[in-house]
Amino acid sequence: MNKAFRYRLDPHAEQEILIHKTLGCVRFVYNRMLANHQAIYDGCKNDKATWKQPKYLLPADLKKECAWLKDVDSVALANVERNVQTAYRNFFRDPSVGFPQFQSQHHDKKSQTTNNQGAVRFG
């Protein structure tokens, strides 16, 4: 049985900036990892003869490229990897679920998951 808690937050200005920065970084990492997975999936599907074990992109690899990702919670970025894998697993388990989609900045329900608190929605 899953249990969810919804909290109303009243952050001060500095906390609000950090929340928005974290949500933006999570979206950026998710989209980059999803693009990497899609490229690997397309390469495997189109050219099976020369296909090799691909190198999946990890949040730690992105931190080396983009230093500004070090400013946010590493647990939130680590959970992105699990979310991308779950999206692909759900697609292959049941194709009617649909192929994983990129996250939009204008999506109305932004959320962040942390390991010890659960999901928290902002907005």
PDB file of N, CA and C in Angstrom:
ATOM      1  N   MET A   1       0.849  -1.180   0.000  1.00  0.00           N
ATOM      2  CA  MET A   1       0.000   0.000   0.000  1.00  0.00           C
ATOM      3  C   MET A   1       0.894   1.242   0.000  1.00  0.00           C
ATOM      4  N   ASN A   2       0.625   2.131  -0.911  1.00  0.00           N
ATOM      5  CA  ASN A   2       1.375   3.385  -0.980  1.00  0.00           C
ATOM      6  C   ASN A   2       0.660   4.455  -0.182  1.00  0.00           C
ATOM      7  N   LYS A   3       1.432   5.291   0.459  1.00  0.00           N
ATOM      8  CA  LYS A   3       0.875   6.378   1.248  1.00  0.00           C
ATOM      9  C   LYS A   3       1.493   7.678   0.761  1.00  0.00           C
ATOM     10  N   ALA A   4       0.700   8.690   0.614  1.00  0.00           N
ATOM     11  CA  ALA A   4       1.199   9.980   0.139  1.00  0.00           C
ATOM     12  C   ALA A   4       0.784  11.078   1.110  1.00  0.00           C
ATOM     13  N   PHE A   5       1.647  12.036   1.262  1.00  0.00           N
ATOM     14  CA  PHE A   5       1.357  13.210   2.071  1.00  0.00           C
ATOM     15  C   PHE A   5       1.499  14.433   1.191  1.00  0.00           C
ATOM     16  N   ARG A   6       0.604  15.363   1.334  1.00  0.00           N
ATOM     17  CA  ARG A   6       0.680  16.617   0.594  1.00  0.00           C
ATOM     18  C   ARG A   6       0.878  17.735   1.611  1.00  0.00           C
ATOM     19  N   TYR A   7       1.907  18.543   1.371  1.00  0.00           N
ATOM     20  CA  TYR A   7       2.260  19.630   2.277  1.00  0.00           C
ATOM     21  C   TYR A   7       2.109  20.968   1.571  1.00  0.00           C
ATOM     22  N   ARG A   8       1.662  21.944   2.300  1.00  0.00           N
ATOM     23  CA  ARG A   8       1.637  23.306   1.790  1.00  0.00           C
ATOM     24  C   ARG A   8       2.888  24.000   2.317  1.00  0.00           C
ATOM     25  N   LEU A   9       3.668  24.541   1.390  1.00  0.00           N
ATOM     26  CA  LEU A   9       4.922  25.182   1.765  1.00  0.00           C
ATOM     27  C   LEU A   9       4.789  26.693   1.686  1.00  0.00           C
ATOM     28  N   ASP A  10       5.466  27.348   2.588  1.00  0.00           N
ATOM     29  CA  ASP A  10       5.518  28.806   2.568  1.00  0.00           C
ATOM     30  C   ASP A  10       6.993  29.219   2.653  1.00  0.00           C
ATOM     31  N   PRO A  11       7.742  29.024   1.561  1.00  0.00           N
ATOM     32  CA  PRO A  11       9.175  29.301   1.604  1.00  0.00           C
ATOM     33  C   PRO A  11       9.477  30.797   1.528  1.00  0.00           C
ATOM     34  N   HIS A  12      10.589  31.178   2.102  1.00  0.00           N
ATOM     35  CA  HIS A  12      11.038  32.557   1.919  1.00  0.00           C
ATOM     36  C   HIS A  12      11.738  32.643   0.566  1.00  0.00           C
ATOM     37  N   ALA A  13      12.166  33.808   0.172  1.00  0.00           N
ATOM     38  CA  ALA A  13      12.662  34.057  -1.190  1.00  0.00           C
ATOM     39  C   ALA A  13      13.830  33.149  -1.576  1.00  0.00           C
ATOM     40  N   GLU A  14      14.784  32.972  -0.688  1.00  0.00           N
ATOM     41  CA  GLU A  14      15.956  32.154  -0.996  1.00  0.00           C
ATOM     42  C   GLU A  14      15.570  30.684  -1.195  1.00  0.00           C
ATOM     43  N   GLN A  15      14.655  30.184  -0.340  1.00  0.00           N
ATOM     44  CA  GLN A  15      14.196  28.802  -0.481  1.00  0.00           C
ATOM     45  C   GLN A  15      13.409  28.613  -1.770  1.00  0.00           C
ATOM     46  N   GLU A  16      12.629  29.599  -2.135  1.00  0.00           N
ATOM     47  CA  GLU A  16      11.836  29.519  -3.367  1.00  0.00           C
ATOM     48  C   GLU A  16      12.757  29.447  -4.598  1.00  0.00           C
ATOM     49  N   ILE A  17      13.828  30.200  -4.572  1.00  0.00           N
ATOM     50  CA  ILE A  17      14.800  30.152  -5.672  1.00  0.00           C
ATOM     51  C   ILE A  17      15.419  28.758  -5.760  1.00  0.00           C
ATOM     52  N   LEU A  18      15.791  28.178  -4.616  1.00  0.00           N
ATOM     53  CA  LEU A  18      16.385  26.849  -4.605  1.00  0.00           C
ATOM     54  C   LEU A  18      15.384  25.789  -5.085  1.00  0.00           C
ATOM     55  N   ILE A  19      14.122  25.909  -4.715  1.00  0.00           N
ATOM     56  CA  ILE A  19      13.090  24.974  -5.162  1.00  0.00           C
ATOM     57  C   ILE A  19      12.954  25.029  -6.678  1.00  0.00           C
ATOM     58  N   HIS A  20      12.854  26.232  -7.237  1.00  0.00           N
ATOM     59  CA  HIS A  20      12.718  26.380  -8.686  1.00  0.00           C
ATOM     60  C   HIS A  20      13.968  25.904  -9.422  1.00  0.00           C
ATOM     61  N   LYS A  21      15.133  26.175  -8.836  1.00  0.00           N
ATOM     62  CA  LYS A  21      16.387  25.715  -9.442  1.00  0.00           C
ATOM     63  C   LYS A  21      16.435  24.188  -9.450  1.00  0.00           C
ATOM     64  N   THR A  22      16.023  23.558  -8.347  1.00  0.00           N
ATOM     65  CA  THR A  22      16.017  22.098  -8.265  1.00  0.00           C
ATOM     66  C   THR A  22      15.054  21.499  -9.277  1.00  0.00           C
ATOM     67  N   LEU A  23      13.857  22.059  -9.380  1.00  0.00           N
ATOM     68  CA  LEU A  23      12.887  21.543 -10.345  1.00  0.00           C
ATOM     69  C   LEU A  23      13.394  21.692 -11.777  1.00  0.00           C
ATOM     70  N   GLY A  24      14.048  22.797 -12.068  1.00  0.00           N
ATOM     71  CA  GLY A  24      14.616  22.999 -13.405  1.00  0.00           C
ATOM     72  C   GLY A  24      15.735  22.019 -13.709  1.00  0.00           C
ATOM     73  N   CYS A  25      16.593  21.770 -12.715  1.00  0.00           N
ATOM     74  CA  CYS A  25      17.695  20.820 -12.914  1.00  0.00           C
ATOM     75  C   CYS A  25      17.177  19.399 -13.083  1.00  0.00           C
ATOM     76  N   VAL A  26      16.159  19.038 -12.316  1.00  0.00           N
ATOM     77  CA  VAL A  26      15.564  17.705 -12.440  1.00  0.00           C
ATOM     78  C   VAL A  26      14.987  17.525 -13.841  1.00  0.00           C
ATOM     79  N   ARG A  27      14.283  18.535 -14.327  1.00  0.00           N
ATOM     80  CA  ARG A  27      13.705  18.476 -15.680  1.00  0.00           C
ATOM     81  C   ARG A  27      14.807  18.378 -16.732  1.00  0.00           C
ATOM     82  N   PHE A  28      15.886  19.153 -16.579  1.00  0.00           N
ATOM     83  CA  PHE A  28      16.997  19.134 -17.523  1.00  0.00           C
ATOM     84  C   PHE A  28      17.647  17.751 -17.574  1.00  0.00           C
ATOM     85  N   VAL A  29      17.934  17.176 -16.404  1.00  0.00           N
ATOM     86  CA  VAL A  29      18.581  15.870 -16.342  1.00  0.00           C
ATOM     87  C   VAL A  29      17.657  14.794 -16.919  1.00  0.00           C
ATOM     88  N   TYR A  30      16.368  14.853 -16.599  1.00  0.00           N
ATOM     89  CA  TYR A  30      15.412  13.887 -17.130  1.00  0.00           C
ATOM     90  C   TYR A  30      15.390  13.939 -18.658  1.00  0.00           C
ATOM     91  N   ASN A  31      15.297  15.127 -19.211  1.00  0.00           N
ATOM     92  CA  ASN A  31      15.238  15.271 -20.671  1.00  0.00           C
ATOM     93  C   ASN A  31      16.523  14.809 -21.340  1.00  0.00           C
ATOM     94  N   ARG A  32      17.686  15.112 -20.752  1.00  0.00           N
ATOM     95  CA  ARG A  32      18.961  14.656 -21.334  1.00  0.00           C
ATOM     96  C   ARG A  32      19.080  13.143 -21.275  1.00  0.00           C
ATOM     97  N   MET A  33      18.700  12.549 -20.140  1.00  0.00           N
ATOM     98  CA  MET A  33      18.775  11.097 -20.010  1.00  0.00           C
ATOM     99  C   MET A  33      17.772  10.413 -20.934  1.00  0.00           C
ATOM    100  N   LEU A  34      16.595  10.991 -21.075  1.00  0.00           N
ATOM    101  CA  LEU A  34      15.594  10.419 -21.973  1.00  0.00           C
ATOM    102  C   LEU A  34      16.062  10.492 -23.427  1.00  0.00           C
ATOM    103  N   ALA A  35      16.679  11.597 -23.816  1.00  0.00           N
ATOM    104  CA  ALA A  35      17.213  11.719 -25.173  1.00  0.00           C
ATOM    105  C   ALA A  35      18.305  10.679 -25.416  1.00  0.00           C
ATOM    106  N   ASN A  36      19.153  10.449 -24.417  1.00  0.00           N
ATOM    107  CA  ASN A  36      20.197   9.433 -24.525  1.00  0.00           C
ATOM    108  C   ASN A  36      19.590   8.039 -24.674  1.00  0.00           C
ATOM    109  N   HIS A  37      18.579   7.725 -23.883  1.00  0.00           N
ATOM    110  CA  HIS A  37      17.917   6.433 -23.981  1.00  0.00           C
ATOM    111  C   HIS A  37      17.239   6.267 -25.349  1.00  0.00           C
ATOM    112  N   GLN A  38      16.631   7.327 -25.841  1.00  0.00           N
ATOM    113  CA  GLN A  38      15.969   7.251 -27.148  1.00  0.00           C
ATOM    114  C   GLN A  38      16.978   7.015 -28.259  1.00  0.00           C
ATOM    115  N   ALA A  39      18.134   7.664 -28.192  1.00  0.00           N
ATOM    116  CA  ALA A  39      19.162   7.467 -29.209  1.00  0.00           C
ATOM    117  C   ALA A  39      19.662   6.020 -29.187  1.00  0.00           C
ATOM    118  N   ILE A  40      19.836   5.469 -28.009  1.00  0.00           N
ATOM    119  CA  ILE A  40      20.271   4.081 -27.890  1.00  0.00           C
ATOM    120  C   ILE A  40      19.192   3.144 -28.417  1.00  0.00           C
ATOM    121  N   TYR A  41      17.944   3.413 -28.065  1.00  0.00           N
ATOM    122  CA  TYR A  41      16.824   2.578 -28.524  1.00  0.00           C
ATOM    123  C   TYR A  41      16.710   2.624 -30.044  1.00  0.00           C
ATOM    124  N   ASP A  42      16.823   3.811 -30.636  1.00  0.00           N
ATOM    125  CA  ASP A  42      16.744   3.939 -32.098  1.00  0.00           C
ATOM    126  C   ASP A  42      17.927   3.256 -32.773  1.00  0.00           C
ATOM    127  N   GLY A  43      19.125   3.384 -32.211  1.00  0.00           N
ATOM    128  CA  GLY A  43      20.306   2.739 -32.780  1.00  0.00           C
ATOM    129  C   GLY A  43      20.196   1.231 -32.744  1.00  0.00           C
ATOM    130  N   CYS A  44      19.676   0.710 -31.657  1.00  0.00           N
ATOM    131  CA  CYS A  44      19.503  -0.737 -31.521  1.00  0.00           C
ATOM    132  C   CYS A  44      18.434  -1.234 -32.483  1.00  0.00           C
ATOM    133  N   LYS A  45      17.363  -0.485 -32.601  1.00  0.00           N
ATOM    134  CA  LYS A  45      16.241  -0.900 -33.441  1.00  0.00           C
ATOM    135  C   LYS A  45      16.613  -0.856 -34.923  1.00  0.00           C
ATOM    136  N   ASN A  46      17.393   0.133 -35.332  1.00  0.00           N
ATOM    137  CA  ASN A  46      17.701   0.341 -36.747  1.00  0.00           C
ATOM    138  C   ASN A  46      18.894  -0.463 -37.244  1.00  0.00           C
ATOM    139  N   ASP A  47      19.871  -0.721 -36.383  1.00  0.00           N
ATOM    140  CA  ASP A  47      21.103  -1.362 -36.838  1.00  0.00           C
ATOM    141  C   ASP A  47      21.514  -2.464 -35.856  1.00  0.00           C
ATOM    142  N   LYS A  48      20.827  -3.578 -35.896  1.00  0.00           N
ATOM    143  CA  LYS A  48      21.086  -4.657 -34.945  1.00  0.00           C
ATOM    144  C   LYS A  48      22.400  -5.372 -35.217  1.00  0.00           C
ATOM    145  N   ALA A  49      22.904  -5.318 -36.449  1.00  0.00           N
ATOM    146  CA  ALA A  49      24.132  -6.040 -36.802  1.00  0.00           C
ATOM    147  C   ALA A  49      25.357  -5.458 -36.096  1.00  0.00           C
ATOM    148  N   THR A  50      25.442  -4.121 -36.012  1.00  0.00           N
ATOM    149  CA  THR A  50      26.617  -3.485 -35.410  1.00  0.00           C
ATOM    150  C   THR A  50      26.339  -2.953 -34.013  1.00  0.00           C
ATOM    151  N   TRP A  51      25.216  -3.337 -33.440  1.00  0.00           N
ATOM    152  CA  TRP A  51      24.842  -2.819 -32.131  1.00  0.00           C
ATOM    153  C   TRP A  51      25.751  -3.380 -31.051  1.00  0.00           C
ATOM    154  N   LYS A  52      26.247  -2.492 -30.171  1.00  0.00           N
ATOM    155  CA  LYS A  52      27.072  -2.887 -29.032  1.00  0.00           C
ATOM    156  C   LYS A  52      26.361  -2.436 -27.766  1.00  0.00           C
ATOM    157  N   GLN A  53      26.857  -2.916 -26.642  1.00  0.00           N
ATOM    158  CA  GLN A  53      26.270  -2.501 -25.371  1.00  0.00           C
ATOM    159  C   GLN A  53      26.467  -0.990 -25.224  1.00  0.00           C
ATOM    160  N   PRO A  54      25.383  -0.241 -25.134  1.00  0.00           N
ATOM    161  CA  PRO A  54      25.495   1.224 -25.083  1.00  0.00           C
ATOM    162  C   PRO A  54      25.929   1.730 -23.712  1.00  0.00           C
ATOM    163  N   LYS A  55      26.342   2.987 -23.692  1.00  0.00           N
ATOM    164  CA  LYS A  55      26.678   3.647 -22.437  1.00  0.00           C
ATOM    165  C   LYS A  55      25.544   4.611 -22.114  1.00  0.00           C
ATOM    166  N   TYR A  56      24.813   4.273 -21.084  1.00  0.00           N
ATOM    167  CA  TYR A  56      23.724   5.142 -20.658  1.00  0.00           C
ATOM    168  C   TYR A  56      24.278   6.324 -19.887  1.00  0.00           C
ATOM    169  N   LEU A  57      23.658   7.454 -20.067  1.00  0.00           N
ATOM    170  CA  LEU A  57      24.062   8.684 -19.396  1.00  0.00           C
ATOM    171  C   LEU A  57      23.582   8.645 -17.949  1.00  0.00           C
ATOM    172  N   LEU A  58      24.415   9.057 -17.027  1.00  0.00           N
ATOM    173  CA  LEU A  58      24.077   9.087 -15.607  1.00  0.00           C
ATOM    174  C   LEU A  58      24.130  10.524 -15.095  1.00  0.00           C
ATOM    175  N   PRO A  59      23.417  10.821 -13.999  1.00  0.00           N
ATOM    176  CA  PRO A  59      23.480  12.178 -13.441  1.00  0.00           C
ATOM    177  C   PRO A  59      24.900  12.615 -13.095  1.00  0.00           C
ATOM    178  N   ALA A  60      25.748  11.689 -12.655  1.00  0.00           N
ATOM    179  CA  ALA A  60      27.139  12.044 -12.324  1.00  0.00           C
ATOM    180  C   ALA A  60      27.899  12.502 -13.569  1.00  0.00           C
ATOM    181  N   ASP A  61      27.599  11.879 -14.734  1.00  0.00           N
ATOM    182  CA  ASP A  61      28.229  12.306 -15.984  1.00  0.00           C
ATOM    183  C   ASP A  61      27.809  13.723 -16.345  1.00  0.00           C
ATOM    184  N   LEU A  62      26.548  14.030 -16.107  1.00  0.00           N
ATOM    185  CA  LEU A  62      26.062  15.377 -16.419  1.00  0.00           C
ATOM    186  C   LEU A  62      26.642  16.426 -15.477  1.00  0.00           C
ATOM    187  N   LYS A  63      26.907  16.037 -14.236  1.00  0.00           N
ATOM    188  CA  LYS A  63      27.510  16.982 -13.289  1.00  0.00           C
ATOM    189  C   LYS A  63      28.903  17.400 -13.737  1.00  0.00           C
ATOM    190  N   LYS A  64      29.605  16.494 -14.432  1.00  0.00           N
ATOM    191  CA  LYS A  64      30.931  16.841 -14.949  1.00  0.00           C
ATOM    192  C   LYS A  64      30.814  17.865 -16.068  1.00  0.00           C
ATOM    193  N   GLU A  65      29.767  17.736 -16.898  1.00  0.00           N
ATOM    194  CA  GLU A  65      29.554  18.676 -18.010  1.00  0.00           C
ATOM    195  C   GLU A  65      28.996  20.011 -17.530  1.00  0.00           C
ATOM    196  N   CYS A  66      28.048  19.959 -16.637  1.00  0.00           N
ATOM    197  CA  CYS A  66      27.327  21.155 -16.183  1.00  0.00           C
ATOM    198  C   CYS A  66      27.571  21.353 -14.689  1.00  0.00           C
ATOM    199  N   ALA A  67      28.466  22.235 -14.353  1.00  0.00           N
ATOM    200  CA  ALA A  67      28.844  22.458 -12.955  1.00  0.00           C
ATOM    201  C   ALA A  67      27.684  22.979 -12.117  1.00  0.00           C
ATOM    202  N   TRP A  68      26.723  23.666 -12.730  1.00  0.00           N
ATOM    203  CA  TRP A  68      25.603  24.230 -11.983  1.00  0.00           C
ATOM    204  C   TRP A  68      24.669  23.160 -11.434  1.00  0.00           C
ATOM    205  N   LEU A  69      24.795  21.908 -11.868  1.00  0.00           N
ATOM    206  CA  LEU A  69      23.973  20.833 -11.310  1.00  0.00           C
ATOM    207  C   LEU A  69      24.422  20.457  -9.896  1.00  0.00           C
ATOM    208  N   LYS A  70      25.613  20.882  -9.506  1.00  0.00           N
ATOM    209  CA  LYS A  70      26.121  20.582  -8.163  1.00  0.00           C
ATOM    210  C   LYS A  70      25.452  21.450  -7.098  1.00  0.00           C
ATOM    211  N   ASP A  71      24.702  22.473  -7.515  1.00  0.00           N
ATOM    212  CA  ASP A  71      24.063  23.378  -6.559  1.00  0.00           C
ATOM    213  C   ASP A  71      22.791  22.808  -5.955  1.00  0.00           C
ATOM    214  N   VAL A  72      22.251  21.736  -6.536  1.00  0.00           N
ATOM    215  CA  VAL A  72      20.964  21.209  -6.075  1.00  0.00           C
ATOM    216  C   VAL A  72      21.141  19.859  -5.390  1.00  0.00           C
ATOM    217  N   ASP A  73      20.066  19.367  -4.812  1.00  0.00           N
ATOM    218  CA  ASP A  73      20.061  18.114  -4.066  1.00  0.00           C
ATOM    219  C   ASP A  73      20.423  16.940  -4.964  1.00  0.00           C
ATOM    220  N   SER A  74      21.445  16.185  -4.582  1.00  0.00           N
ATOM    221  CA  SER A  74      21.894  15.060  -5.401  1.00  0.00           C
ATOM    222  C   SER A  74      20.889  13.909  -5.378  1.00  0.00           C
ATOM    223  N   VAL A  75      20.107  13.788  -4.314  1.00  0.00           N
ATOM    224  CA  VAL A  75      19.103  12.728  -4.237  1.00  0.00           C
ATOM    225  C   VAL A  75      18.016  12.950  -5.285  1.00  0.00           C
ATOM    226  N   ALA A  76      17.636  14.202  -5.500  1.00  0.00           N
ATOM    227  CA  ALA A  76      16.632  14.504  -6.516  1.00  0.00           C
ATOM    228  C   ALA A  76      17.134  14.115  -7.899  1.00  0.00           C
ATOM    229  N   LEU A  77      18.416  14.376  -8.171  1.00  0.00           N
ATOM    230  CA  LEU A  77      18.981  14.018  -9.468  1.00  0.00           C
ATOM    231  C   LEU A  77      19.141  12.501  -9.607  1.00  0.00           C
ATOM    232  N   ALA A  78      19.465  11.824  -8.520  1.00  0.00           N
ATOM    233  CA  ALA A  78      19.602  10.368  -8.569  1.00  0.00           C
ATOM    234  C   ALA A  78      18.247   9.708  -8.821  1.00  0.00           C
ATOM    235  N   ASN A  79      17.180  10.281  -8.294  1.00  0.00           N
ATOM    236  CA  ASN A  79      15.846   9.729  -8.507  1.00  0.00           C
ATOM    237  C   ASN A  79      15.398   9.878  -9.955  1.00  0.00           C
ATOM    238  N   VAL A  80      15.967  10.826 -10.681  1.00  0.00           N
ATOM    239  CA  VAL A  80      15.627  11.007 -12.089  1.00  0.00           C
ATOM    240  C   VAL A  80      16.004   9.761 -12.877  1.00  0.00           C
ATOM    241  N   GLU A  81      17.161   9.195 -12.573  1.00  0.00           N
ATOM    242  CA  GLU A  81      17.602   7.977 -13.267  1.00  0.00           C
ATOM    243  C   GLU A  81      16.574   6.867 -13.088  1.00  0.00           C
ATOM    244  N   ARG A  82      16.084   6.697 -11.886  1.00  0.00           N
ATOM    245  CA  ARG A  82      15.069   5.680 -11.611  1.00  0.00           C
ATOM    246  C   ARG A  82      13.762   5.985 -12.355  1.00  0.00           C
ATOM    247  N   ASN A  83      13.403   7.261 -12.443  1.00  0.00           N
ATOM    248  CA  ASN A  83      12.172   7.638 -13.146  1.00  0.00           C
ATOM    249  C   ASN A  83      12.254   7.329 -14.636  1.00  0.00           C
ATOM    250  N   VAL A  84      13.406   7.582 -15.250  1.00  0.00           N
ATOM    251  CA  VAL A  84      13.584   7.285 -16.679  1.00  0.00           C
ATOM    252  C   VAL A  84      13.524   5.777 -16.905  1.00  0.00           C
ATOM    253  N   GLN A  85      14.187   5.028 -16.053  1.00  0.00           N
ATOM    254  CA  GLN A  85      14.160   3.572 -16.193  1.00  0.00           C
ATOM    255  C   GLN A  85      12.753   3.021 -16.006  1.00  0.00           C
ATOM    256  N   THR A  86      12.003   3.555 -15.069  1.00  0.00           N
ATOM    257  CA  THR A  86      10.623   3.123 -14.849  1.00  0.00           C
ATOM    258  C   THR A  86       9.751   3.449 -16.053  1.00  0.00           C
ATOM    259  N   ALA A  87       9.949   4.616 -16.641  1.00  0.00           N
ATOM    260  CA  ALA A  87       9.168   4.994 -17.820  1.00  0.00           C
ATOM    261  C   ALA A  87       9.421   4.035 -18.980  1.00  0.00           C
ATOM    262  N   TYR A  88      10.681   3.671 -19.202  1.00  0.00           N
ATOM    263  CA  TYR A  88      11.002   2.716 -20.267  1.00  0.00           C
ATOM    264  C   TYR A  88      10.479   1.323 -19.940  1.00  0.00           C
ATOM    265  N   ARG A  89      10.611   0.908 -18.696  1.00  0.00           N
ATOM    266  CA  ARG A  89      10.122  -0.407 -18.295  1.00  0.00           C
ATOM    267  C   ARG A  89       8.609  -0.494 -18.504  1.00  0.00           C
ATOM    268  N   ASN A  90       7.890   0.552 -18.142  1.00  0.00           N
ATOM    269  CA  ASN A  90       6.440   0.565 -18.338  1.00  0.00           C
ATOM    270  C   ASN A  90       6.084   0.509 -19.819  1.00  0.00           C
ATOM    271  N   PHE A  91       6.855   1.203 -20.660  1.00  0.00           N
ATOM    272  CA  PHE A  91       6.586   1.186 -22.095  1.00  0.00           C
ATOM    273  C   PHE A  91       6.783  -0.210 -22.675  1.00  0.00           C
ATOM    274  N   PHE A  92       7.862  -0.881 -22.302  1.00  0.00           N
ATOM    275  CA  PHE A  92       8.121  -2.213 -22.843  1.00  0.00           C
ATOM    276  C   PHE A  92       7.186  -3.263 -22.255  1.00  0.00           C
ATOM    277  N   ARG A  93       6.726  -3.043 -21.036  1.00  0.00           N
ATOM    278  CA  ARG A  93       5.787  -3.971 -20.415  1.00  0.00           C
ATOM    279  C   ARG A  93       4.421  -3.875 -21.074  1.00  0.00           C
ATOM    280  N   ASP A  94       3.986  -2.653 -21.345  1.00  0.00           N
ATOM    281  CA  ASP A  94       2.665  -2.425 -21.935  1.00  0.00           C
ATOM    282  C   ASP A  94       2.763  -1.238 -22.893  1.00  0.00           C
ATOM    283  N   PRO A  95       2.925  -1.478 -24.202  1.00  0.00           N
ATOM    284  CA  PRO A  95       3.096  -0.385 -25.163  1.00  0.00           C
ATOM    285  C   PRO A  95       1.927   0.603 -25.208  1.00  0.00           C
ATOM    286  N   SER A  96       0.767   0.213 -24.707  1.00  0.00           N
ATOM    287  CA  SER A  96      -0.364   1.155 -24.706  1.00  0.00           C
ATOM    288  C   SER A  96      -0.123   2.311 -23.727  1.00  0.00           C
ATOM    289  N   VAL A  97       0.843   2.146 -22.817  1.00  0.00           N
ATOM    290  CA  VAL A  97       1.206   3.230 -21.893  1.00  0.00           C
ATOM    291  C   VAL A  97       1.753   4.411 -22.681  1.00  0.00           C
ATOM    292  N   GLY A  98       2.453   4.119 -23.768  1.00  0.00           N
ATOM    293  CA  GLY A  98       3.022   5.164 -24.612  1.00  0.00           C
ATOM    294  C   GLY A  98       4.499   5.343 -24.348  1.00  0.00           C
ATOM    295  N   PHE A  99       5.182   5.841 -25.360  1.00  0.00           N
ATOM    296  CA  PHE A  99       6.615   6.080 -25.269  1.00  0.00           C
ATOM    297  C   PHE A  99       6.865   7.221 -24.293  1.00  0.00           C
ATOM    298  N   PRO A 100       7.917   7.164 -23.485  1.00  0.00           N
ATOM    299  CA  PRO A 100       8.190   8.241 -22.522  1.00  0.00           C
ATOM    300  C   PRO A 100       8.302   9.603 -23.210  1.00  0.00           C
ATOM    301  N   GLN A 101       7.730  10.609 -22.587  1.00  0.00           N
ATOM    302  CA  GLN A 101       7.702  11.961 -23.131  1.00  0.00           C
ATOM    303  C   GLN A 101       8.678  12.866 -22.390  1.00  0.00           C
ATOM    304  N   PHE A 102       9.149  13.882 -23.084  1.00  0.00           N
ATOM    305  CA  PHE A 102      10.003  14.882 -22.456  1.00  0.00           C
ATOM    306  C   PHE A 102       9.165  15.734 -21.508  1.00  0.00           C
ATOM    307  N   GLN A 103       9.810  16.241 -20.455  1.00  0.00           N
ATOM    308  CA  GLN A 103       9.129  17.101 -19.497  1.00  0.00           C
ATOM    309  C   GLN A 103       9.157  18.533 -19.993  1.00  0.00           C
ATOM    310  N   SER A 104       8.046  19.198 -19.826  1.00  0.00           N
ATOM    311  CA  SER A 104       7.911  20.579 -20.267  1.00  0.00           C
ATOM    312  C   SER A 104       8.066  21.528 -19.084  1.00  0.00           C
ATOM    313  N   GLN A 105       8.609  22.686 -19.360  1.00  0.00           N
ATOM    314  CA  GLN A 105       8.746  23.709 -18.324  1.00  0.00           C
ATOM    315  C   GLN A 105       7.368  24.255 -17.930  1.00  0.00           C
ATOM    316  N   HIS A 106       6.407  24.130 -18.816  1.00  0.00           N
ATOM    317  CA  HIS A 106       5.091  24.725 -18.590  1.00  0.00           C
ATOM    318  C   HIS A 106       4.078  23.715 -18.082  1.00  0.00           C
ATOM    319  N   HIS A 107       4.532  22.533 -17.656  1.00  0.00           N
ATOM    320  CA  HIS A 107       3.628  21.534 -17.091  1.00  0.00           C
ATOM    321  C   HIS A 107       3.090  22.068 -15.775  1.00  0.00           C
ATOM    322  N   ASP A 108       1.811  21.845 -15.528  1.00  0.00           N
ATOM    323  CA  ASP A 108       1.193  22.509 -14.381  1.00  0.00           C
ATOM    324  C   ASP A 108       1.484  21.847 -13.033  1.00  0.00           C
ATOM    325  N   LYS A 109       1.878  20.572 -13.003  1.00  0.00           N
ATOM    326  CA  LYS A 109       2.166  19.917 -11.729  1.00  0.00           C
ATOM    327  C   LYS A 109       3.628  19.530 -11.669  1.00  0.00           C
ATOM    328  N   LYS A 110       4.424  20.365 -11.038  1.00  0.00           N
ATOM    329  CA  LYS A 110       5.844  20.086 -10.881  1.00  0.00           C
ATOM    330  C   LYS A 110       6.021  19.376  -9.550  1.00  0.00           C
ATOM    331  N   SER A 111       6.815  18.314  -9.542  1.00  0.00           N
ATOM    332  CA  SER A 111       7.030  17.606  -8.291  1.00  0.00           C
ATOM    333  C   SER A 111       8.482  17.167  -8.190  1.00  0.00           C
ATOM    334  N   GLN A 112       8.888  16.927  -6.981  1.00  0.00           N
ATOM    335  CA  GLN A 112      10.240  16.457  -6.698  1.00  0.00           C
ATOM    336  C   GLN A 112      10.096  15.333  -5.686  1.00  0.00           C
ATOM    337  N   THR A 113      10.876  14.283  -5.848  1.00  0.00           N
ATOM    338  CA  THR A 113      10.828  13.156  -4.930  1.00  0.00           C
ATOM    339  C   THR A 113      12.151  13.059  -4.196  1.00  0.00           C
ATOM    340  N   THR A 114      12.043  12.836  -2.911  1.00  0.00           N
ATOM    341  CA  THR A 114      13.236  12.611  -2.113  1.00  0.00           C
ATOM    342  C   THR A 114      13.069  11.284  -1.397  1.00  0.00           C
ATOM    343  N   ASN A 115      14.140  10.629  -1.050  1.00  0.00           N
ATOM    344  CA  ASN A 115      14.051   9.277  -0.520  1.00  0.00           C
ATOM    345  C   ASN A 115      13.433   9.186   0.867  1.00  0.00           C
ATOM    346  N   ASN A 116      13.582  10.187   1.684  1.00  0.00           N
ATOM    347  CA  ASN A 116      13.074  10.059   3.037  1.00  0.00           C
ATOM    348  C   ASN A 116      11.744  10.775   3.257  1.00  0.00           C
ATOM    349  N   GLN A 117      11.275  11.567   2.325  1.00  0.00           N
ATOM    350  CA  GLN A 117      10.037  12.310   2.538  1.00  0.00           C
ATOM    351  C   GLN A 117       8.919  11.896   1.588  1.00  0.00           C
ATOM    352  N   GLY A 118       9.241  11.397   0.404  1.00  0.00           N
ATOM    353  CA  GLY A 118       8.211  11.068  -0.574  1.00  0.00           C
ATOM    354  C   GLY A 118       8.092  12.182  -1.585  1.00  0.00           C
ATOM    355  N   ALA A 119       6.983  12.242  -2.275  1.00  0.00           N
ATOM    356  CA  ALA A 119       6.768  13.241  -3.320  1.00  0.00           C
ATOM    357  C   ALA A 119       6.199  14.517  -2.720  1.00  0.00           C
ATOM    358  N   VAL A 120       6.700  15.644  -3.160  1.00  0.00           N
ATOM    359  CA  VAL A 120       6.202  16.947  -2.741  1.00  0.00           C
ATOM    360  C   VAL A 120       5.876  17.720  -4.015  1.00  0.00           C
ATOM    361  N   ARG A 121       4.655  18.231  -4.125  1.00  0.00           N
ATOM    362  CA  ARG A 121       4.234  18.981  -5.309  1.00  0.00           C
ATOM    363  C   ARG A 121       4.344  20.469  -5.033  1.00  0.00           C
ATOM    364  N   PHE A 122       4.824  21.195  -6.035  1.00  0.00           N
ATOM    365  CA  PHE A 122       4.923  22.648  -5.933  1.00  0.00           C
ATOM    366  C   PHE A 122       4.066  23.240  -7.028  1.00  0.00           C
ATOM    367  N   GLY A 123       3.231  24.186  -6.703  1.00  0.00           N
ATOM    368  CA  GLY A 123       2.478  24.866  -7.755  1.00  0.00           C
ATOM    369  C   GLY A 123       1.024  24.575  -7.779  1.00  0.00           C
TER     370      GLY A 123
END
